[in-house]
């Protein structure tokens, strides 16, 4: 009987802790993320001057405050670039993780080969503590090693929860 009580107490405490964690997130806020990405994909030369790139970027984000939402958690992005003479539009999707909870978004930007890259995104869905999230992010990325697909990005995130 003691084992049953201890198990029930442990479950109640775990559920309370999970609820407290979700409730401790402010209903709205702003934060800065710093992310290191490694991209890989396929290049398709469609004309002498036009190139399509289709691929993914895998990264790790760090909250600018040194802790908090998305700190030391993975980011997965997929997208495509349509470059004419080395410049052009790009767009795709990203998923930001915070533990097992995730935020999904879509982004757009303008690419210039081997140069800083800027754009913005909007949140389209969330799981767990991020269910019902709205808002988005702006970003500026700088190539560390363009040919190796290595980038660092700073993101300014603004969000609202129901």
N, C-alpha and C. Protein backbone atom coordinates (compact mmCIF):
# COMPACT_ATOMS: atom_id res chain seq x y z
N UNK A 1 0.83 -1.20 0.00
CA UNK A 1 0.00 0.00 0.00
C UNK A 1 0.87 1.26 0.00
N UNK A 2 1.97 1.23 0.76
CA UNK A 2 2.88 2.36 0.79
C UNK A 2 3.44 2.66 -0.60
N UNK A 3 3.76 1.61 -1.37
CA UNK A 3 4.29 1.78 -2.71
C UNK A 3 3.26 2.46 -3.61
N UNK A 4 2.00 2.08 -3.50
CA UNK A 4 0.94 2.69 -4.29
C UNK A 4 0.81 4.17 -3.94
N UNK A 5 0.82 4.51 -2.67
CA UNK A 5 0.73 5.92 -2.24
C UNK A 5 1.90 6.73 -2.76
N UNK A 6 3.09 6.15 -2.67
CA UNK A 6 4.28 6.86 -3.16
C UNK A 6 4.20 7.08 -4.66
N UNK A 7 3.72 6.08 -5.39
CA UNK A 7 3.59 6.21 -6.84
C UNK A 7 2.56 7.28 -7.19
N UNK A 8 1.42 7.27 -6.50
CA UNK A 8 0.40 8.29 -6.74
C UNK A 8 0.92 9.68 -6.41
N UNK A 9 1.62 9.81 -5.30
CA UNK A 9 2.19 11.10 -4.90
C UNK A 9 3.19 11.58 -5.95
N UNK A 10 4.03 10.68 -6.43
CA UNK A 10 5.01 11.04 -7.45
C UNK A 10 4.32 11.51 -8.73
N UNK A 11 3.23 10.82 -9.13
CA UNK A 11 2.49 11.23 -10.32
C UNK A 11 1.85 12.59 -10.14
N UNK A 12 1.24 12.84 -8.99
CA UNK A 12 0.60 14.13 -8.71
C UNK A 12 1.64 15.24 -8.73
N UNK A 13 2.78 15.01 -8.10
CA UNK A 13 3.83 16.02 -8.07
C UNK A 13 4.37 16.29 -9.47
N UNK A 14 4.55 15.24 -10.27
CA UNK A 14 5.03 15.42 -11.63
C UNK A 14 4.03 16.22 -12.47
N UNK A 15 2.75 15.91 -12.32
CA UNK A 15 1.72 16.65 -13.06
C UNK A 15 1.66 18.10 -12.60
N UNK A 16 1.79 18.34 -11.33
CA UNK A 16 1.78 19.71 -10.81
C UNK A 16 2.98 20.48 -11.32
N UNK A 17 4.13 19.83 -11.34
CA UNK A 17 5.34 20.50 -11.84
C UNK A 17 5.20 20.82 -13.32
N UNK A 18 4.65 19.90 -14.10
CA UNK A 18 4.45 20.16 -15.53
C UNK A 18 3.47 21.30 -15.73
N UNK A 19 2.40 21.35 -14.97
CA UNK A 19 1.43 22.44 -15.07
C UNK A 19 2.04 23.76 -14.65
N UNK A 20 2.84 23.75 -13.60
CA UNK A 20 3.49 24.98 -13.14
C UNK A 20 4.45 25.49 -14.19
N UNK A 21 5.18 24.58 -14.87
CA UNK A 21 6.12 24.99 -15.90
C UNK A 21 5.39 25.67 -17.04
N UNK A 22 4.26 25.08 -17.49
CA UNK A 22 3.51 25.67 -18.59
C UNK A 22 2.89 27.00 -18.18
N UNK A 23 2.44 27.11 -16.94
CA UNK A 23 1.81 28.34 -16.49
C UNK A 23 2.83 29.44 -16.22
N UNK A 24 4.10 29.09 -16.02
CA UNK A 24 5.10 30.10 -15.71
C UNK A 24 5.55 30.88 -16.94
N UNK A 25 5.14 30.46 -18.11
CA UNK A 25 5.48 31.18 -19.33
C UNK A 25 4.57 32.39 -19.44
N UNK A 26 5.13 33.58 -19.62
CA UNK A 26 4.27 34.74 -19.81
C UNK A 26 3.37 34.56 -21.04
N UNK A 27 2.17 35.10 -20.98
CA UNK A 27 1.21 34.98 -22.09
C UNK A 27 1.67 35.72 -23.35
N UNK A 28 2.60 36.64 -23.20
CA UNK A 28 3.19 37.30 -24.35
C UNK A 28 4.59 37.74 -23.97
N UNK A 29 5.42 37.91 -24.98
CA UNK A 29 6.77 38.33 -24.67
C UNK A 29 7.62 38.49 -25.91
N UNK A 30 8.83 38.95 -25.67
CA UNK A 30 9.84 39.11 -26.71
C UNK A 30 11.14 38.52 -26.20
N UNK A 31 11.90 37.95 -27.09
CA UNK A 31 13.20 37.42 -26.72
C UNK A 31 14.11 37.40 -27.93
N UNK A 32 15.39 37.25 -27.66
CA UNK A 32 16.38 37.17 -28.72
C UNK A 32 17.00 35.78 -28.68
N UNK A 33 17.11 35.16 -29.83
CA UNK A 33 17.77 33.86 -29.95
C UNK A 33 19.02 34.01 -30.81
N UNK A 34 20.03 33.25 -30.46
CA UNK A 34 21.25 33.14 -31.26
C UNK A 34 21.34 31.67 -31.66
N UNK A 35 21.45 31.43 -32.97
CA UNK A 35 21.39 30.06 -33.47
C UNK A 35 22.57 29.78 -34.40
N UNK A 36 23.18 28.63 -34.24
CA UNK A 36 24.19 28.15 -35.18
C UNK A 36 23.54 27.06 -36.02
N UNK A 37 23.61 27.21 -37.35
CA UNK A 37 22.98 26.27 -38.28
C UNK A 37 24.01 25.60 -39.17
N UNK A 38 23.68 24.38 -39.57
CA UNK A 38 24.41 23.66 -40.61
C UNK A 38 23.39 23.28 -41.67
N UNK A 39 23.57 23.80 -42.86
CA UNK A 39 22.65 23.52 -43.95
C UNK A 39 23.19 22.48 -44.91
N UNK A 40 22.28 21.74 -45.49
CA UNK A 40 22.66 20.80 -46.55
C UNK A 40 21.49 20.69 -47.51
N UNK A 41 21.79 20.47 -48.76
CA UNK A 41 20.72 20.37 -49.74
C UNK A 41 21.24 20.09 -51.12
N UNK A 42 20.37 20.29 -52.09
CA UNK A 42 20.68 20.02 -53.49
C UNK A 42 20.60 21.31 -54.29
N UNK A 43 21.58 21.49 -55.17
CA UNK A 43 21.62 22.63 -56.08
C UNK A 43 21.16 22.14 -57.44
N UNK A 44 20.25 22.90 -58.05
CA UNK A 44 19.75 22.56 -59.38
C UNK A 44 19.99 23.76 -60.30
N UNK A 45 20.88 23.62 -61.25
CA UNK A 45 21.17 24.67 -62.23
C UNK A 45 20.10 24.58 -63.30
N UNK A 46 19.15 25.53 -63.32
CA UNK A 46 18.03 25.42 -64.27
C UNK A 46 18.24 26.25 -65.52
N UNK A 47 19.06 27.29 -65.45
CA UNK A 47 19.51 28.04 -66.63
C UNK A 47 20.93 28.50 -66.34
N UNK A 48 21.52 29.19 -67.29
CA UNK A 48 22.89 29.70 -67.06
C UNK A 48 22.95 30.63 -65.86
N UNK A 49 21.87 31.37 -65.61
CA UNK A 49 21.89 32.36 -64.53
C UNK A 49 21.01 31.99 -63.33
N UNK A 50 20.18 30.96 -63.46
CA UNK A 50 19.24 30.61 -62.38
C UNK A 50 19.60 29.28 -61.73
N UNK A 51 19.57 29.33 -60.36
CA UNK A 51 19.85 28.15 -59.56
C UNK A 51 18.74 27.99 -58.53
N UNK A 52 18.26 26.75 -58.36
CA UNK A 52 17.38 26.42 -57.24
C UNK A 52 18.21 25.67 -56.22
N UNK A 53 18.00 25.99 -54.95
CA UNK A 53 18.59 25.22 -53.85
C UNK A 53 17.44 24.76 -52.99
N UNK A 54 17.41 23.46 -52.65
CA UNK A 54 16.37 22.89 -51.81
C UNK A 54 17.08 22.10 -50.71
N UNK A 55 16.75 22.39 -49.46
CA UNK A 55 17.43 21.66 -48.40
C UNK A 55 16.93 21.98 -47.01
N UNK A 56 17.77 21.61 -46.04
CA UNK A 56 17.43 21.78 -44.63
C UNK A 56 18.58 22.44 -43.89
N UNK A 57 18.23 23.09 -42.79
CA UNK A 57 19.20 23.65 -41.85
C UNK A 57 18.87 23.06 -40.48
N UNK A 58 19.86 22.50 -39.83
CA UNK A 58 19.70 22.00 -38.47
C UNK A 58 20.52 22.89 -37.56
N UNK A 59 19.93 23.31 -36.43
CA UNK A 59 20.64 24.23 -35.56
C UNK A 59 20.35 24.03 -34.10
N UNK A 60 21.09 24.78 -33.30
CA UNK A 60 20.88 24.85 -31.86
C UNK A 60 20.71 26.32 -31.51
N UNK A 61 19.62 26.63 -30.81
CA UNK A 61 19.35 28.02 -30.40
C UNK A 61 19.71 28.24 -28.94
N UNK A 62 20.15 29.44 -28.67
CA UNK A 62 20.45 29.88 -27.31
C UNK A 62 19.70 31.17 -27.06
N UNK A 63 18.96 31.22 -25.96
CA UNK A 63 18.24 32.42 -25.56
C UNK A 63 19.27 33.47 -25.17
N UNK A 64 19.11 34.71 -25.67
CA UNK A 64 20.04 35.79 -25.37
C UNK A 64 20.14 36.10 -23.89
N UNK A 65 19.14 35.71 -23.10
CA UNK A 65 19.17 35.93 -21.65
C UNK A 65 20.02 34.88 -20.94
N UNK A 66 20.46 33.85 -21.66
CA UNK A 66 21.26 32.80 -21.05
C UNK A 66 20.45 31.66 -20.47
N UNK A 67 19.13 31.78 -20.50
CA UNK A 67 18.22 30.73 -20.05
C UNK A 67 16.83 31.12 -20.53
N UNK A 68 15.86 30.24 -20.32
CA UNK A 68 14.49 30.56 -20.71
C UNK A 68 14.06 29.81 -21.95
N UNK A 69 13.01 30.31 -22.58
CA UNK A 69 12.42 29.64 -23.74
C UNK A 69 13.45 29.39 -24.83
N UNK A 70 13.43 28.19 -25.38
CA UNK A 70 14.24 27.76 -26.52
C UNK A 70 15.73 27.70 -26.23
N UNK A 71 16.15 27.91 -24.97
CA UNK A 71 17.59 27.92 -24.66
C UNK A 71 18.18 26.52 -24.80
N UNK A 72 19.25 26.43 -25.59
CA UNK A 72 19.98 25.18 -25.81
C UNK A 72 19.05 24.08 -26.32
N UNK A 73 18.23 24.43 -27.31
CA UNK A 73 17.28 23.49 -27.91
C UNK A 73 17.41 23.51 -29.42
N UNK A 74 17.00 22.43 -30.08
CA UNK A 74 17.17 22.33 -31.53
C UNK A 74 16.15 23.14 -32.33
N UNK A 75 16.60 23.51 -33.52
CA UNK A 75 15.75 24.15 -34.53
C UNK A 75 15.96 23.38 -35.83
N UNK A 76 14.86 23.06 -36.52
CA UNK A 76 14.93 22.38 -37.81
C UNK A 76 14.19 23.23 -38.82
N UNK A 77 14.87 23.56 -39.91
CA UNK A 77 14.25 24.37 -40.96
C UNK A 77 14.42 23.68 -42.32
N UNK A 78 13.47 23.89 -43.18
CA UNK A 78 13.54 23.41 -44.56
C UNK A 78 13.13 24.56 -45.46
N UNK A 79 13.71 24.61 -46.64
CA UNK A 79 13.33 25.70 -47.52
C UNK A 79 13.93 25.56 -48.90
N UNK A 80 13.64 26.59 -49.69
CA UNK A 80 14.24 26.64 -51.02
C UNK A 80 14.60 28.07 -51.38
N UNK A 81 15.62 28.18 -52.21
CA UNK A 81 16.10 29.46 -52.70
C UNK A 81 15.99 29.45 -54.21
N UNK A 82 15.60 30.58 -54.78
CA UNK A 82 15.49 30.75 -56.22
C UNK A 82 16.43 31.90 -56.59
N UNK A 83 17.64 31.56 -56.99
CA UNK A 83 18.68 32.57 -57.19
C UNK A 83 18.92 32.83 -58.67
N UNK A 84 18.86 34.10 -59.05
CA UNK A 84 19.20 34.54 -60.40
C UNK A 84 20.43 35.42 -60.26
N UNK A 85 21.51 35.01 -60.89
CA UNK A 85 22.79 35.71 -60.75
C UNK A 85 23.18 35.87 -59.28
N UNK A 86 22.91 34.83 -58.48
CA UNK A 86 23.35 34.81 -57.09
C UNK A 86 22.46 35.51 -56.08
N UNK A 87 21.28 35.97 -56.49
CA UNK A 87 20.37 36.65 -55.55
C UNK A 87 18.93 36.29 -55.88
N UNK A 88 18.07 36.32 -54.84
CA UNK A 88 16.67 36.06 -55.09
C UNK A 88 15.90 35.70 -53.84
N UNK A 89 14.61 35.42 -54.01
CA UNK A 89 13.75 35.12 -52.87
C UNK A 89 13.98 33.70 -52.33
N UNK A 90 13.61 33.54 -51.08
CA UNK A 90 13.68 32.22 -50.45
C UNK A 90 12.55 32.12 -49.44
N UNK A 91 12.13 30.90 -49.18
CA UNK A 91 11.10 30.70 -48.17
C UNK A 91 11.13 29.27 -47.68
N UNK A 92 10.46 29.06 -46.55
CA UNK A 92 10.44 27.72 -46.00
C UNK A 92 9.69 27.66 -44.68
N UNK A 93 10.02 26.64 -43.90
CA UNK A 93 9.38 26.40 -42.61
C UNK A 93 10.45 26.10 -41.57
N UNK A 94 10.15 26.37 -40.31
CA UNK A 94 11.04 26.05 -39.20
C UNK A 94 10.23 25.50 -38.04
N UNK A 95 10.86 24.64 -37.27
CA UNK A 95 10.30 24.16 -36.01
C UNK A 95 11.31 24.43 -34.91
N UNK A 96 10.88 25.22 -33.92
CA UNK A 96 11.69 25.55 -32.75
C UNK A 96 11.23 24.65 -31.61
N UNK A 97 12.16 23.99 -30.93
CA UNK A 97 11.80 23.11 -29.82
C UNK A 97 12.15 23.77 -28.49
N UNK A 98 11.35 23.46 -27.48
CA UNK A 98 11.64 23.82 -26.09
C UNK A 98 11.27 22.58 -25.28
N UNK A 99 12.25 21.73 -25.05
CA UNK A 99 11.94 20.43 -24.47
C UNK A 99 11.17 19.62 -25.49
N UNK A 100 10.04 19.06 -25.08
CA UNK A 100 9.22 18.29 -26.02
C UNK A 100 8.16 19.14 -26.71
N UNK A 101 8.02 20.40 -26.31
CA UNK A 101 7.04 21.30 -26.92
C UNK A 101 7.67 21.99 -28.12
N UNK A 102 6.86 22.24 -29.14
CA UNK A 102 7.40 22.80 -30.38
C UNK A 102 6.54 23.94 -30.91
N UNK A 103 7.21 24.83 -31.65
CA UNK A 103 6.54 25.92 -32.36
C UNK A 103 6.90 25.78 -33.83
N UNK A 104 5.89 25.81 -34.68
CA UNK A 104 6.11 25.68 -36.12
C UNK A 104 5.83 27.04 -36.77
N UNK A 105 6.66 27.39 -37.74
CA UNK A 105 6.48 28.66 -38.43
C UNK A 105 6.91 28.58 -39.87
N UNK A 106 6.51 29.60 -40.62
CA UNK A 106 6.94 29.71 -42.01
C UNK A 106 7.66 31.04 -42.18
N UNK A 107 8.68 31.08 -43.05
CA UNK A 107 9.52 32.25 -43.18
C UNK A 107 9.77 32.60 -44.65
N UNK A 108 10.14 33.85 -44.87
CA UNK A 108 10.55 34.33 -46.19
C UNK A 108 11.75 35.26 -46.02
N UNK A 109 12.50 35.39 -47.08
CA UNK A 109 13.65 36.29 -47.05
C UNK A 109 14.18 36.51 -48.45
N UNK A 110 15.24 37.29 -48.53
CA UNK A 110 15.93 37.53 -49.79
C UNK A 110 17.38 37.13 -49.62
N UNK A 111 17.85 36.30 -50.51
CA UNK A 111 19.19 35.73 -50.41
C UNK A 111 20.12 36.40 -51.40
N UNK A 112 21.33 36.68 -50.95
CA UNK A 112 22.44 37.06 -51.82
C UNK A 112 23.57 36.10 -51.48
N UNK A 113 24.09 35.40 -52.48
CA UNK A 113 25.10 34.39 -52.24
C UNK A 113 26.26 34.94 -51.43
N UNK A 114 26.64 34.19 -50.39
CA UNK A 114 27.79 34.47 -49.53
C UNK A 114 27.73 35.85 -48.88
N UNK A 115 26.53 36.27 -48.49
CA UNK A 115 26.34 37.58 -47.85
C UNK A 115 25.34 37.41 -46.70
N UNK A 116 25.27 38.37 -45.78
CA UNK A 116 24.25 38.29 -44.71
C UNK A 116 22.86 38.14 -45.32
N UNK A 117 22.01 37.43 -44.59
CA UNK A 117 20.68 37.06 -45.06
C UNK A 117 19.66 37.52 -44.03
N UNK A 118 18.63 38.22 -44.47
CA UNK A 118 17.60 38.73 -43.55
C UNK A 118 16.22 38.32 -44.02
N UNK A 119 15.32 38.18 -43.05
CA UNK A 119 13.95 37.83 -43.38
C UNK A 119 13.08 37.83 -42.14
N UNK A 120 11.90 37.25 -42.29
CA UNK A 120 10.97 37.20 -41.16
C UNK A 120 10.09 35.95 -41.28
N UNK A 121 9.50 35.59 -40.15
CA UNK A 121 8.64 34.43 -40.13
C UNK A 121 7.43 34.66 -39.24
N UNK A 122 6.44 33.80 -39.39
CA UNK A 122 5.26 33.88 -38.53
C UNK A 122 4.95 32.48 -38.02
N UNK A 123 4.50 32.43 -36.76
CA UNK A 123 4.15 31.16 -36.15
C UNK A 123 2.81 30.68 -36.70
N UNK A 124 2.73 29.39 -37.04
CA UNK A 124 1.50 28.84 -37.60
C UNK A 124 0.87 27.78 -36.72
N UNK A 125 1.63 27.24 -35.75
CA UNK A 125 1.09 26.22 -34.85
C UNK A 125 2.07 25.98 -33.70
N UNK A 126 1.56 25.38 -32.65
CA UNK A 126 2.40 25.02 -31.52
C UNK A 126 1.85 23.79 -30.82
N UNK A 127 2.72 23.09 -30.11
CA UNK A 127 2.30 21.93 -29.34
C UNK A 127 2.58 22.18 -27.87
N UNK A 128 1.90 21.41 -27.01
CA UNK A 128 2.13 21.53 -25.56
C UNK A 128 1.88 22.94 -25.06
N UNK A 129 2.83 23.50 -24.35
CA UNK A 129 2.68 24.82 -23.77
C UNK A 129 2.56 25.92 -24.82
N UNK A 130 2.87 25.60 -26.09
CA UNK A 130 2.79 26.58 -27.17
C UNK A 130 1.51 26.45 -28.01
N UNK A 131 0.57 25.61 -27.60
CA UNK A 131 -0.69 25.46 -28.34
C UNK A 131 -1.37 26.81 -28.46
N UNK A 132 -1.76 27.17 -29.68
CA UNK A 132 -2.45 28.42 -29.92
C UNK A 132 -1.55 29.64 -30.06
N UNK A 133 -0.23 29.43 -30.14
CA UNK A 133 0.71 30.55 -30.23
C UNK A 133 0.48 31.36 -31.50
N UNK A 134 0.68 32.67 -31.39
CA UNK A 134 0.70 33.57 -32.54
C UNK A 134 1.94 34.44 -32.40
N UNK A 135 2.27 35.14 -33.45
CA UNK A 135 3.44 36.02 -33.44
C UNK A 135 4.42 35.57 -34.50
N UNK A 136 5.68 35.89 -34.27
CA UNK A 136 6.67 35.52 -35.26
C UNK A 136 8.06 35.98 -34.88
N UNK A 137 8.93 36.04 -35.87
CA UNK A 137 10.32 36.41 -35.62
C UNK A 137 10.92 37.08 -36.85
N UNK A 138 11.90 37.90 -36.61
CA UNK A 138 12.73 38.44 -37.69
C UNK A 138 14.12 37.85 -37.49
N UNK A 139 14.88 37.77 -38.55
CA UNK A 139 16.20 37.16 -38.43
C UNK A 139 17.22 37.82 -39.34
N UNK A 140 18.46 37.74 -38.89
CA UNK A 140 19.61 38.13 -39.71
C UNK A 140 20.65 37.04 -39.53
N UNK A 141 21.06 36.44 -40.65
CA UNK A 141 22.02 35.35 -40.62
C UNK A 141 23.28 35.76 -41.38
N UNK A 142 24.41 35.28 -40.88
CA UNK A 142 25.70 35.59 -41.47
C UNK A 142 26.41 34.27 -41.77
N UNK A 143 26.94 34.12 -42.99
CA UNK A 143 27.64 32.88 -43.29
C UNK A 143 28.97 32.81 -42.52
N UNK A 144 29.19 31.68 -41.87
CA UNK A 144 30.48 31.41 -41.23
C UNK A 144 31.38 30.77 -42.27
N UNK A 145 30.84 29.77 -42.97
CA UNK A 145 31.52 29.12 -44.08
C UNK A 145 30.43 28.77 -45.09
N UNK A 146 30.22 29.66 -46.04
CA UNK A 146 29.12 29.52 -46.99
C UNK A 146 29.15 28.18 -47.70
N UNK A 147 30.32 27.78 -48.23
CA UNK A 147 30.41 26.54 -49.00
C UNK A 147 30.15 25.30 -48.15
N UNK A 148 30.38 25.39 -46.84
CA UNK A 148 30.11 24.26 -45.94
C UNK A 148 28.71 24.33 -45.35
N UNK A 149 27.93 25.38 -45.67
CA UNK A 149 26.57 25.51 -45.17
C UNK A 149 26.47 25.92 -43.71
N UNK A 150 27.51 26.58 -43.18
CA UNK A 150 27.53 26.98 -41.78
C UNK A 150 27.14 28.45 -41.63
N UNK A 151 26.16 28.69 -40.76
CA UNK A 151 25.61 30.03 -40.56
C UNK A 151 25.41 30.30 -39.07
N UNK A 152 25.45 31.57 -38.69
CA UNK A 152 24.97 31.99 -37.38
C UNK A 152 23.85 32.98 -37.63
N UNK A 153 22.82 32.92 -36.79
CA UNK A 153 21.66 33.79 -36.98
C UNK A 153 21.25 34.39 -35.64
N UNK A 154 20.81 35.63 -35.70
CA UNK A 154 20.17 36.29 -34.56
C UNK A 154 18.70 36.45 -34.91
N UNK A 155 17.83 36.03 -34.00
CA UNK A 155 16.38 36.12 -34.21
C UNK A 155 15.75 36.93 -33.10
N UNK A 156 14.87 37.82 -33.47
CA UNK A 156 14.06 38.59 -32.53
C UNK A 156 12.67 37.97 -32.58
N UNK A 157 12.24 37.39 -31.46
CA UNK A 157 10.97 36.66 -31.39
C UNK A 157 9.94 37.46 -30.58
N UNK A 158 8.76 37.58 -31.12
CA UNK A 158 7.61 38.16 -30.40
C UNK A 158 6.48 37.14 -30.46
N UNK A 159 5.89 36.81 -29.31
CA UNK A 159 4.85 35.79 -29.29
C UNK A 159 3.71 36.19 -28.36
N UNK A 160 2.56 35.52 -28.61
CA UNK A 160 1.37 35.64 -27.76
C UNK A 160 0.76 34.26 -27.61
N UNK A 161 0.33 33.95 -26.41
CA UNK A 161 -0.35 32.69 -26.13
C UNK A 161 -1.77 32.97 -25.69
N UNK A 162 -2.69 32.04 -25.93
CA UNK A 162 -4.09 32.29 -25.55
C UNK A 162 -4.25 32.34 -24.02
